[in-house]
Amino acid sequence: MRGSYGKLIAIPGAAAFSAAALLGRLPTGMLCLSVIVPIVKFTGSYTTAGMVVASTMTGMALCAPLSGRLVDRHGQFLTLLVSGALNLGSISVLMACIHYRENLPLLCIVGGVAGATRLPTGAMARARWTYLARTFEPGQRSATLQLAYAFESVVDEIMFICAPIIATLLCTMIHPLAGLAGCLISYSVGAVALAMQRRTEPNIETVRVRHPSALKTHGFRILIFATFFIGISAGAVEVIVVARANAAGSQSLIGLLMASLALSSMLAGLWYGAQSFRQSAQSLWIRCLGLLVLALIPFAFAENLSILAIALFIAGLSIAPTSNAGQILVERTLHGRLLNEGMSIVTTSMMLGMAAGGWISGALIDRLGTHLAGALPATSTVAAFAIACVYARLIVNASSHVSAKREA
């Protein structure tokens, strides 16, 4: 397994663009805490903090598809540099607004702009892997992309383990606004570093042709709907973990509990990427979804924190493989010119699902308690699994059509 990933990183330019993309996506895991801590510190209002975070995430989610189309049409170089400048300005203004305790509408507007101006560098890294593998033989290309997407999923998990810790240390040990400053610096440096690597940047079409949106691909729409329900599960898990830890009077263990989920997901992602599977991409994705449903069942019944940690570790074992299989399926379902947009839409669907999952789980906890609310992650994943099974034929047709086009 080590040799497989070593060969992957040895591809010229791969390590550099993946590291730059990691810097660029680090704010994804830092932003919530970096906004909540200073707002609560300066205003004492969790409601204000929650609304600003929601505005920031909404701006990020709604503008991701547009940013994907801009990247497809104008290239990563230009869009990253413009995005880096706009995000630097908007985060700086947000920091000033928080410091001077500006009114809630202004905070929400600036927060929304800050989220909207941050491009999904993880999707760009995956697009670069696809570009690098374009000249490989079909079998080698498929194996390389599976390994590359698994590697990027592992990078995501590393980010989700480290980013909250970094944000907490910056906000509590340096200054309440230091977390936002860290987001600003990390994204700006990562965006510029990724933009400067022109050798691995996917080509821009020299002849402008009006292409339909990725959303007009029927099989891809099924992926989006299923991803939304997976996002509900992901958003609900975090809220339920916080509620159960608070109920047990062990708030300090929340980070460790979530780290157990991310750690097992990272390990599973490393293993999955190094394997060779004979099944089709859609078959693997559906099977991974089924395993995710089963893996989330123990979580629904885990009230004791020790058992909860074990349940989270078990659930994490299916997360990265499911994510990796879904990304491979996106690549198989869409034409190359729509790939950046498609990856961005998948990210948007996941983020909107997470926002919905957080809201729904919070309401369930208040009304029904943490025990019954714990069934939400598995239930929403069942919905994703059902959608994937019922509409599997559409995904197969879309994937076959794209494969035929590439071979032609």
Protein backbone atom coordinates (compact mmCIF):
# COMPACT_ATOMS: atom_id res chain seq x y z
CA MET A 1 0.00 0.00 0.00
CA ARG A 2 2.84 2.37 0.87
CA GLY A 3 4.43 1.68 -2.50
CA SER A 4 1.20 2.47 -4.35
CA TYR A 5 0.83 5.87 -2.72
CA GLY A 6 4.56 6.51 -3.12
CA LYS A 7 4.26 5.99 -6.88
CA LEU A 8 1.23 8.28 -6.95
CA ILE A 9 3.03 11.14 -5.20
CA ALA A 10 6.06 10.56 -7.44
CA ILE A 11 4.04 11.69 -10.48
CA PRO A 12 5.65 15.04 -11.46
CA GLY A 13 3.82 17.95 -9.85
CA ALA A 14 1.42 15.79 -7.83
CA ALA A 15 2.83 16.38 -4.35
CA ALA A 16 3.08 20.13 -4.92
CA PHE A 17 -0.49 20.72 -6.11
CA SER A 18 -1.95 18.39 -3.47
CA ALA A 19 -0.10 20.24 -0.68
CA ALA A 20 -1.25 23.61 -2.04
CA ALA A 21 -4.83 22.37 -2.26
CA LEU A 22 -4.62 21.18 1.37
CA LEU A 23 -3.64 24.69 2.48
CA GLY A 24 -6.50 26.09 0.44
CA ARG A 25 -9.12 23.81 1.98
CA LEU A 26 -7.85 24.04 5.59
CA PRO A 27 -10.32 26.91 6.30
CA THR A 28 -13.19 24.49 5.64
CA GLY A 29 -12.50 22.83 8.98
CA MET A 30 -11.44 26.04 10.76
CA LEU A 31 -14.15 28.49 9.76
CA CYS A 32 -17.01 27.55 12.10
CA LEU A 33 -14.95 27.72 15.28
CA SER A 34 -13.05 30.76 13.99
CA VAL A 35 -16.35 32.64 13.61
CA ILE A 36 -18.15 31.36 16.72
CA VAL A 37 -15.37 31.97 19.27
CA PRO A 38 -14.76 35.70 18.59
CA ILE A 39 -18.45 36.56 18.15
CA VAL A 40 -19.35 34.91 21.45
CA LYS A 41 -16.32 36.58 23.05
CA PHE A 42 -17.27 40.07 21.84
CA THR A 43 -21.09 39.86 21.94
CA GLY A 44 -21.94 36.95 24.22
CA SER A 45 -24.55 35.78 21.70
CA TYR A 46 -24.56 32.21 20.38
CA THR A 47 -27.56 33.10 18.21
CA THR A 48 -25.56 35.77 16.39
CA ALA A 49 -22.62 33.41 16.00
CA GLY A 50 -24.85 30.67 14.59
CA MET A 51 -26.52 32.97 12.08
CA VAL A 52 -23.20 34.32 10.80
CA VAL A 53 -21.82 30.78 10.44
CA ALA A 54 -24.99 29.76 8.57
CA SER A 55 -24.63 32.75 6.23
CA THR A 56 -20.99 31.90 5.55
CA MET A 57 -21.73 28.25 4.79
CA THR A 58 -24.70 29.17 2.61
CA GLY A 59 -22.61 31.60 0.58
CA MET A 60 -19.97 28.93 0.14
CA ALA A 61 -22.48 26.27 -0.89
CA LEU A 62 -24.56 28.35 -3.29
CA CYS A 63 -21.58 29.81 -5.15
CA ALA A 64 -19.63 26.55 -5.50
CA PRO A 65 -21.40 25.49 -8.75
CA LEU A 66 -20.86 28.94 -10.28
CA SER A 67 -17.20 28.89 -9.31
CA GLY A 68 -16.89 25.44 -10.89
CA ARG A 69 -18.21 26.74 -14.21
CA LEU A 70 -15.88 29.74 -14.03
CA VAL A 71 -12.93 27.41 -13.52
CA ASP A 72 -14.01 25.24 -16.45
CA ARG A 73 -14.30 28.29 -18.72
CA HIS A 74 -11.40 30.48 -17.58
CA GLY A 75 -8.98 28.03 -15.99
CA GLN A 76 -7.75 27.57 -12.45
CA PHE A 77 -4.97 30.18 -12.68
CA LEU A 78 -7.15 33.25 -13.18
CA THR A 79 -10.05 32.19 -10.97
CA LEU A 80 -7.77 31.24 -8.06
CA LEU A 81 -5.93 34.57 -8.11
CA VAL A 82 -9.16 36.58 -8.27
CA SER A 83 -10.74 34.42 -5.57
CA GLY A 84 -7.70 34.77 -3.32
CA ALA A 85 -7.82 38.56 -3.53
CA LEU A 86 -11.58 38.75 -2.93
CA ASN A 87 -11.47 36.31 -0.03
CA LEU A 88 -8.59 38.17 1.59
CA GLY A 89 -10.61 41.39 1.46
CA SER A 90 -13.89 39.87 2.68
CA ILE A 91 -12.31 37.99 5.60
CA SER A 92 -10.48 41.17 6.63
CA VAL A 93 -13.76 43.10 6.60
CA LEU A 94 -15.47 40.32 8.57
CA MET A 95 -12.75 40.48 11.22
CA ALA A 96 -13.22 44.25 11.50
CA CYS A 97 -17.01 43.92 11.73
CA ILE A 98 -16.72 41.35 14.52
CA HIS A 99 -14.15 43.42 16.40
CA TYR A 100 -16.28 46.57 16.25
CA ARG A 101 -19.49 44.66 17.04
CA GLU A 102 -21.35 45.65 13.90
CA ASN A 103 -25.05 44.82 13.51
CA LEU A 104 -26.21 41.31 12.64
CA PRO A 105 -27.38 41.97 9.04
CA LEU A 106 -23.97 43.41 8.11
CA LEU A 107 -22.17 40.50 9.75
CA CYS A 108 -24.33 38.02 7.82
CA ILE A 109 -23.77 39.79 4.50
CA VAL A 110 -20.01 39.99 4.93
CA GLY A 111 -19.92 36.40 6.16
CA GLY A 112 -21.85 35.28 3.09
CA VAL A 113 -19.39 37.09 0.81
CA ALA A 114 -16.45 35.52 2.66
CA GLY A 115 -17.91 32.08 2.06
CA ALA A 116 -18.82 32.79 -1.56
CA THR A 117 -15.30 33.91 -2.50
CA ARG A 118 -13.57 30.74 -1.34
CA LEU A 119 -13.13 28.19 -4.14
CA PRO A 120 -13.18 24.43 -3.44
CA THR A 121 -9.49 23.66 -3.95
CA GLY A 122 -10.09 20.00 -3.16
CA ALA A 123 -12.26 19.71 -6.29
CA MET A 124 -9.51 21.43 -8.27
CA ALA A 125 -6.93 18.93 -7.02
CA ARG A 126 -9.16 16.05 -8.12
CA ALA A 127 -9.57 17.68 -11.53
CA ARG A 128 -5.78 17.86 -11.82
CA TRP A 129 -5.46 14.16 -11.05
CA THR A 130 -7.92 13.46 -13.86
CA TYR A 131 -5.90 15.70 -16.19
CA LEU A 132 -2.62 13.95 -15.32
CA ALA A 133 -4.17 10.52 -15.93
CA ARG A 134 -5.67 11.45 -19.31
CA THR A 135 -2.86 9.82 -21.33
CA PHE A 136 -2.76 6.57 -19.35
CA GLU A 137 -4.07 3.28 -20.68
CA PRO A 138 -7.73 2.70 -19.63
CA GLY A 139 -6.87 0.13 -16.95
CA GLN A 140 -4.00 2.17 -15.53
CA ARG A 141 -6.09 5.34 -15.70
CA SER A 142 -8.91 3.78 -13.67
CA ALA A 143 -6.55 2.40 -11.01
CA THR A 144 -4.64 5.69 -10.76
CA LEU A 145 -7.79 7.75 -10.33
CA GLN A 146 -9.17 5.41 -7.66
CA LEU A 147 -5.89 5.72 -5.76
CA ALA A 148 -5.72 9.49 -6.29
CA TYR A 149 -9.28 10.12 -5.14
CA ALA A 150 -8.68 7.91 -2.11
CA PHE A 151 -5.55 9.92 -1.35
CA GLU A 152 -7.49 13.18 -1.56
CA SER A 153 -10.15 11.73 0.75
CA VAL A 154 -7.40 10.95 3.24
CA VAL A 155 -6.12 14.51 2.89
CA ASP A 156 -9.66 15.69 3.67
CA GLU A 157 -9.72 13.57 6.82
CA ILE A 158 -6.33 14.91 7.92
CA MET A 159 -7.73 18.39 7.43
CA PHE A 160 -10.83 17.64 9.51
CA ILE A 161 -8.64 16.22 12.30
CA CYS A 162 -6.16 19.10 12.41
CA ALA A 163 -8.20 22.18 11.43
CA PRO A 164 -10.48 22.41 14.52
CA ILE A 165 -7.46 21.95 16.79
CA ILE A 166 -5.56 24.71 14.97
CA ALA A 167 -8.55 27.05 15.10
CA THR A 168 -9.08 26.42 18.82
CA LEU A 169 -5.42 27.06 19.65
CA LEU A 170 -5.31 30.27 17.59
CA CYS A 171 -8.53 31.66 19.07
CA THR A 172 -7.82 30.77 22.69
CA MET A 173 -4.05 31.19 22.98
CA ILE A 174 -3.30 34.12 20.64
CA HIS A 175 -6.40 36.25 20.00
CA PRO A 176 -10.11 35.55 19.39
CA LEU A 177 -9.72 36.76 15.79
CA ALA A 178 -6.52 34.79 15.16
CA GLY A 179 -8.52 31.85 13.82
CA LEU A 180 -10.01 34.00 11.06
CA ALA A 181 -6.55 35.39 10.36
CA GLY A 182 -5.35 31.81 10.00
CA CYS A 183 -8.17 31.10 7.52
CA LEU A 184 -7.22 34.19 5.54
CA ILE A 185 -3.52 33.32 5.37
CA SER A 186 -4.07 29.62 4.67
CA TYR A 187 -6.47 30.17 1.78
CA SER A 188 -4.51 33.05 0.24
CA VAL A 189 -1.22 31.13 0.28
CA GLY A 190 -2.85 27.90 -0.88
CA ALA A 191 -4.75 29.58 -3.73
CA VAL A 192 -1.68 31.40 -5.04
CA ALA A 193 0.53 28.31 -4.70
CA LEU A 194 -2.00 26.18 -6.61
CA ALA A 195 -2.48 28.84 -9.29
CA MET A 196 1.27 29.07 -9.93
CA GLN A 197 1.53 25.39 -10.82
CA ARG A 198 0.61 25.76 -14.47
CA ARG A 199 2.09 22.45 -15.63
CA THR A 200 -0.60 20.36 -13.94
CA GLU A 201 -3.48 22.76 -14.64
CA PRO A 202 -6.21 21.26 -16.87
CA ASN A 203 -6.42 22.83 -20.30
CA ILE A 204 -8.99 25.48 -21.18
CA GLU A 205 -10.98 24.93 -24.35
CA THR A 206 -9.64 27.28 -27.01
CA VAL A 207 -12.96 27.31 -28.86
CA ARG A 208 -15.81 28.55 -26.70
CA VAL A 209 -18.76 26.21 -26.97
CA ARG A 210 -21.88 26.61 -24.90
CA HIS A 211 -22.15 23.44 -22.87
CA PRO A 212 -25.17 22.39 -20.86
CA SER A 213 -24.81 22.40 -17.11
CA ALA A 214 -23.67 19.22 -15.40
CA LEU A 215 -27.09 19.25 -13.70
CA LYS A 216 -28.70 18.34 -17.04
CA THR A 217 -27.03 14.92 -16.91
CA HIS A 218 -29.71 12.60 -15.50
CA GLY A 219 -27.35 10.14 -13.84
CA PHE A 220 -25.43 12.96 -12.21
CA ARG A 221 -28.61 14.39 -10.68
CA ILE A 222 -29.18 11.07 -8.93
CA LEU A 223 -25.71 11.35 -7.41
CA ILE A 224 -26.54 14.85 -6.17
CA PHE A 225 -29.79 13.79 -4.50
CA ALA A 226 -28.09 10.86 -2.78
CA THR A 227 -25.19 13.07 -1.69
CA PHE A 228 -27.62 15.51 -0.08
CA PHE A 229 -28.97 12.76 2.18
CA ILE A 230 -25.43 11.64 3.01
CA GLY A 231 -24.77 15.26 3.99
CA ILE A 232 -27.79 15.20 6.33
CA SER A 233 -26.23 12.20 8.04
CA ALA A 234 -22.85 13.92 8.39
CA GLY A 235 -24.35 17.13 9.76
CA ALA A 236 -26.52 15.26 12.25
CA VAL A 237 -23.66 13.16 13.63
CA GLU A 238 -21.68 16.18 14.81
CA VAL A 239 -24.65 17.80 16.58
CA ILE A 240 -25.70 14.53 18.23
CA VAL A 241 -22.15 13.88 19.45
CA VAL A 242 -22.02 17.35 21.01
CA ALA A 243 -25.42 16.84 22.67
CA ARG A 244 -24.50 13.42 24.10
CA ALA A 245 -21.15 14.69 25.39
CA ASN A 246 -22.85 17.70 27.00
CA ALA A 247 -25.47 15.45 28.58
CA ALA A 248 -22.67 13.37 30.09
CA GLY A 249 -20.88 16.49 31.33
CA SER A 250 -17.82 15.70 29.19
CA GLN A 251 -17.61 18.58 26.73
CA SER A 252 -13.82 18.26 26.65
CA LEU A 253 -14.15 14.86 24.93
CA ILE A 254 -16.05 16.17 21.89
CA GLY A 255 -12.86 16.71 19.89
CA LEU A 256 -11.55 13.22 20.68
CA LEU A 257 -14.88 11.63 19.77
CA MET A 258 -14.95 13.32 16.37
CA ALA A 259 -11.27 12.51 15.88
CA SER A 260 -12.06 8.79 16.24
CA LEU A 261 -14.49 9.12 13.32
CA ALA A 262 -11.97 10.97 11.15
CA LEU A 263 -9.13 8.59 12.06
CA SER A 264 -11.00 5.44 11.04
CA SER A 265 -12.20 7.13 7.86
CA MET A 266 -8.62 8.05 6.99
CA LEU A 267 -7.38 4.50 7.58
CA ALA A 268 -10.22 3.04 5.52
CA GLY A 269 -9.52 5.52 2.74
CA LEU A 270 -5.86 4.49 2.60
CA TRP A 271 -6.83 0.82 2.37
CA TYR A 272 -9.60 1.35 -0.18
CA GLY A 273 -7.47 3.37 -2.56
CA ALA A 274 -4.79 0.69 -2.73
CA GLN A 275 -7.25 -2.08 -3.70
CA SER A 276 -8.22 -3.32 -7.16
CA PHE A 277 -11.93 -3.98 -7.61
CA ARG A 278 -13.62 -5.85 -10.44
CA GLN A 279 -17.03 -4.30 -9.85
CA SER A 280 -18.24 -1.28 -11.80
CA ALA A 281 -18.04 2.18 -10.24
CA GLN A 282 -21.79 2.40 -9.62
CA SER A 283 -21.87 -1.09 -8.07
CA LEU A 284 -19.05 -0.18 -5.68
CA TRP A 285 -20.77 3.07 -4.72
CA ILE A 286 -24.08 1.34 -3.95
CA ARG A 287 -22.34 -1.35 -1.90
CA CYS A 288 -20.40 1.28 0.06
CA LEU A 289 -23.66 3.09 0.79
CA GLY A 290 -25.16 -0.14 2.08
CA LEU A 291 -22.17 -0.67 4.37
CA LEU A 292 -22.48 2.92 5.60
CA VAL A 293 -26.10 2.27 6.60
CA LEU A 294 -25.05 -0.78 8.62
CA ALA A 295 -22.07 1.06 10.15
CA LEU A 296 -24.31 3.86 11.45
CA ILE A 297 -26.72 1.54 13.29
CA PRO A 298 -24.49 1.18 16.41
CA PHE A 299 -24.27 4.98 16.60
CA ALA A 300 -28.04 5.22 17.00
CA PHE A 301 -27.93 3.19 20.23
CA ALA A 302 -24.65 4.46 21.73
CA GLU A 303 -25.43 6.53 24.82
CA ASN A 304 -22.33 5.73 26.89
CA LEU A 305 -19.38 7.83 25.65
CA SER A 306 -16.98 4.89 25.50
CA ILE A 307 -19.44 2.96 23.34
CA LEU A 308 -20.07 6.13 21.32
CA ALA A 309 -16.35 6.42 20.52
CA ILE A 310 -16.34 2.82 19.27
CA ALA A 311 -19.53 3.40 17.26
CA LEU A 312 -18.00 6.49 15.65
CA PHE A 313 -14.87 4.54 14.76
CA ILE A 314 -17.01 1.84 13.13
CA ALA A 315 -19.03 4.43 11.21
CA GLY A 316 -15.87 6.11 9.96
CA LEU A 317 -14.68 2.90 8.30
CA SER A 318 -17.33 3.33 5.59
CA ILE A 319 -17.14 7.10 5.08
CA ALA A 320 -13.99 7.51 2.98
CA PRO A 321 -14.70 4.46 0.74
CA THR A 322 -18.22 5.80 0.06
CA SER A 323 -16.85 9.26 -0.71
CA ASN A 324 -14.12 7.86 -2.94
CA ALA A 325 -16.52 5.62 -4.85
CA GLY A 326 -18.85 8.58 -5.38
CA GLN A 327 -16.05 10.77 -6.73
CA ILE A 328 -15.00 8.07 -9.17
CA LEU A 329 -18.61 7.84 -10.31
CA VAL A 330 -18.76 11.61 -10.88
CA GLU A 331 -15.68 11.34 -13.09
CA ARG A 332 -17.29 8.45 -15.01
CA THR A 333 -20.64 10.23 -15.37
CA LEU A 334 -19.53 13.65 -16.63
CA HIS A 335 -17.53 14.81 -19.63
CA GLY A 336 -14.14 16.30 -18.75
CA ARG A 337 -15.26 19.85 -19.57
CA LEU A 338 -17.91 19.61 -16.85
CA LEU A 339 -15.74 17.99 -14.19
CA ASN A 340 -14.85 21.08 -12.13
CA GLU A 341 -18.50 22.15 -12.10
CA GLY A 342 -19.60 18.62 -11.23
CA MET A 343 -17.19 18.26 -8.31
CA SER A 344 -18.25 21.68 -7.02
CA ILE A 345 -21.94 20.74 -7.22
CA VAL A 346 -21.25 17.55 -5.26
CA THR A 347 -19.53 19.65 -2.59
CA THR A 348 -22.49 22.05 -2.54
CA SER A 349 -24.99 19.22 -2.16
CA MET A 350 -23.01 17.77 0.72
CA MET A 351 -22.74 21.15 2.48
CA LEU A 352 -26.44 21.91 2.10
CA GLY A 353 -27.23 18.45 3.42
CA MET A 354 -24.96 19.02 6.41
CA ALA A 355 -26.69 22.32 7.16
CA ALA A 356 -30.08 20.60 6.98
CA GLY A 357 -28.85 17.70 9.10
CA GLY A 358 -27.59 20.04 11.79
CA TRP A 359 -30.89 21.92 11.91
CA ILE A 360 -33.09 18.80 11.86
CA SER A 361 -31.03 16.95 14.47
CA GLY A 362 -31.06 19.99 16.75
CA ALA A 363 -34.85 20.20 16.55
CA LEU A 364 -35.17 16.45 17.20
CA ILE A 365 -32.87 16.65 20.22
CA ASP A 366 -34.90 19.50 21.74
CA ARG A 367 -38.22 17.71 21.19
CA LEU A 368 -37.42 14.00 21.43
CA GLY A 369 -34.03 13.75 23.13
CA THR A 370 -30.64 12.51 21.96
CA HIS A 371 -31.63 8.83 21.90
CA LEU A 372 -34.33 9.11 19.22
CA ALA A 373 -32.39 11.80 17.34
CA GLY A 374 -29.53 9.32 17.03
CA ALA A 375 -31.51 7.39 14.41
CA LEU A 376 -31.36 10.30 11.94
CA PRO A 377 -27.90 9.56 10.44
CA ALA A 378 -28.75 5.94 9.59
CA THR A 379 -32.24 6.91 8.37
CA SER A 380 -30.98 9.58 5.99
CA THR A 381 -28.32 7.21 4.66
CA VAL A 382 -31.06 4.64 4.00
CA ALA A 383 -32.73 7.29 1.83
CA ALA A 384 -29.47 7.80 -0.10
CA PHE A 385 -29.09 4.04 -0.54
CA ALA A 386 -32.69 3.70 -1.77
CA ILE A 387 -32.22 6.50 -4.32
CA ALA A 388 -29.02 4.90 -5.60
CA CYS A 389 -30.66 1.48 -5.97
CA VAL A 390 -33.91 2.66 -7.58
CA TYR A 391 -32.21 4.91 -10.12
CA ALA A 392 -29.08 2.81 -10.71
CA ARG A 393 -29.98 2.36 -14.39
CA LEU A 394 -29.77 6.10 -15.07
CA ILE A 395 -26.29 6.20 -13.56
CA VAL A 396 -25.18 3.20 -15.63
CA ASN A 397 -26.48 4.80 -18.84
CA ALA A 398 -24.75 8.12 -18.15
CA SER A 399 -21.47 6.40 -17.28
CA SER A 400 -21.60 4.20 -20.39
CA HIS A 401 -22.31 7.21 -22.61
CA VAL A 402 -19.30 9.14 -21.30
CA SER A 403 -17.03 6.08 -21.62
CA ALA A 404 -18.11 5.62 -25.24
CA LYS A 405 -17.37 9.28 -25.99
CA ARG A 406 -13.87 8.99 -24.51
CA GLU A 407 -13.05 5.84 -26.46
CA ALA A 408 -14.26 7.49 -29.65
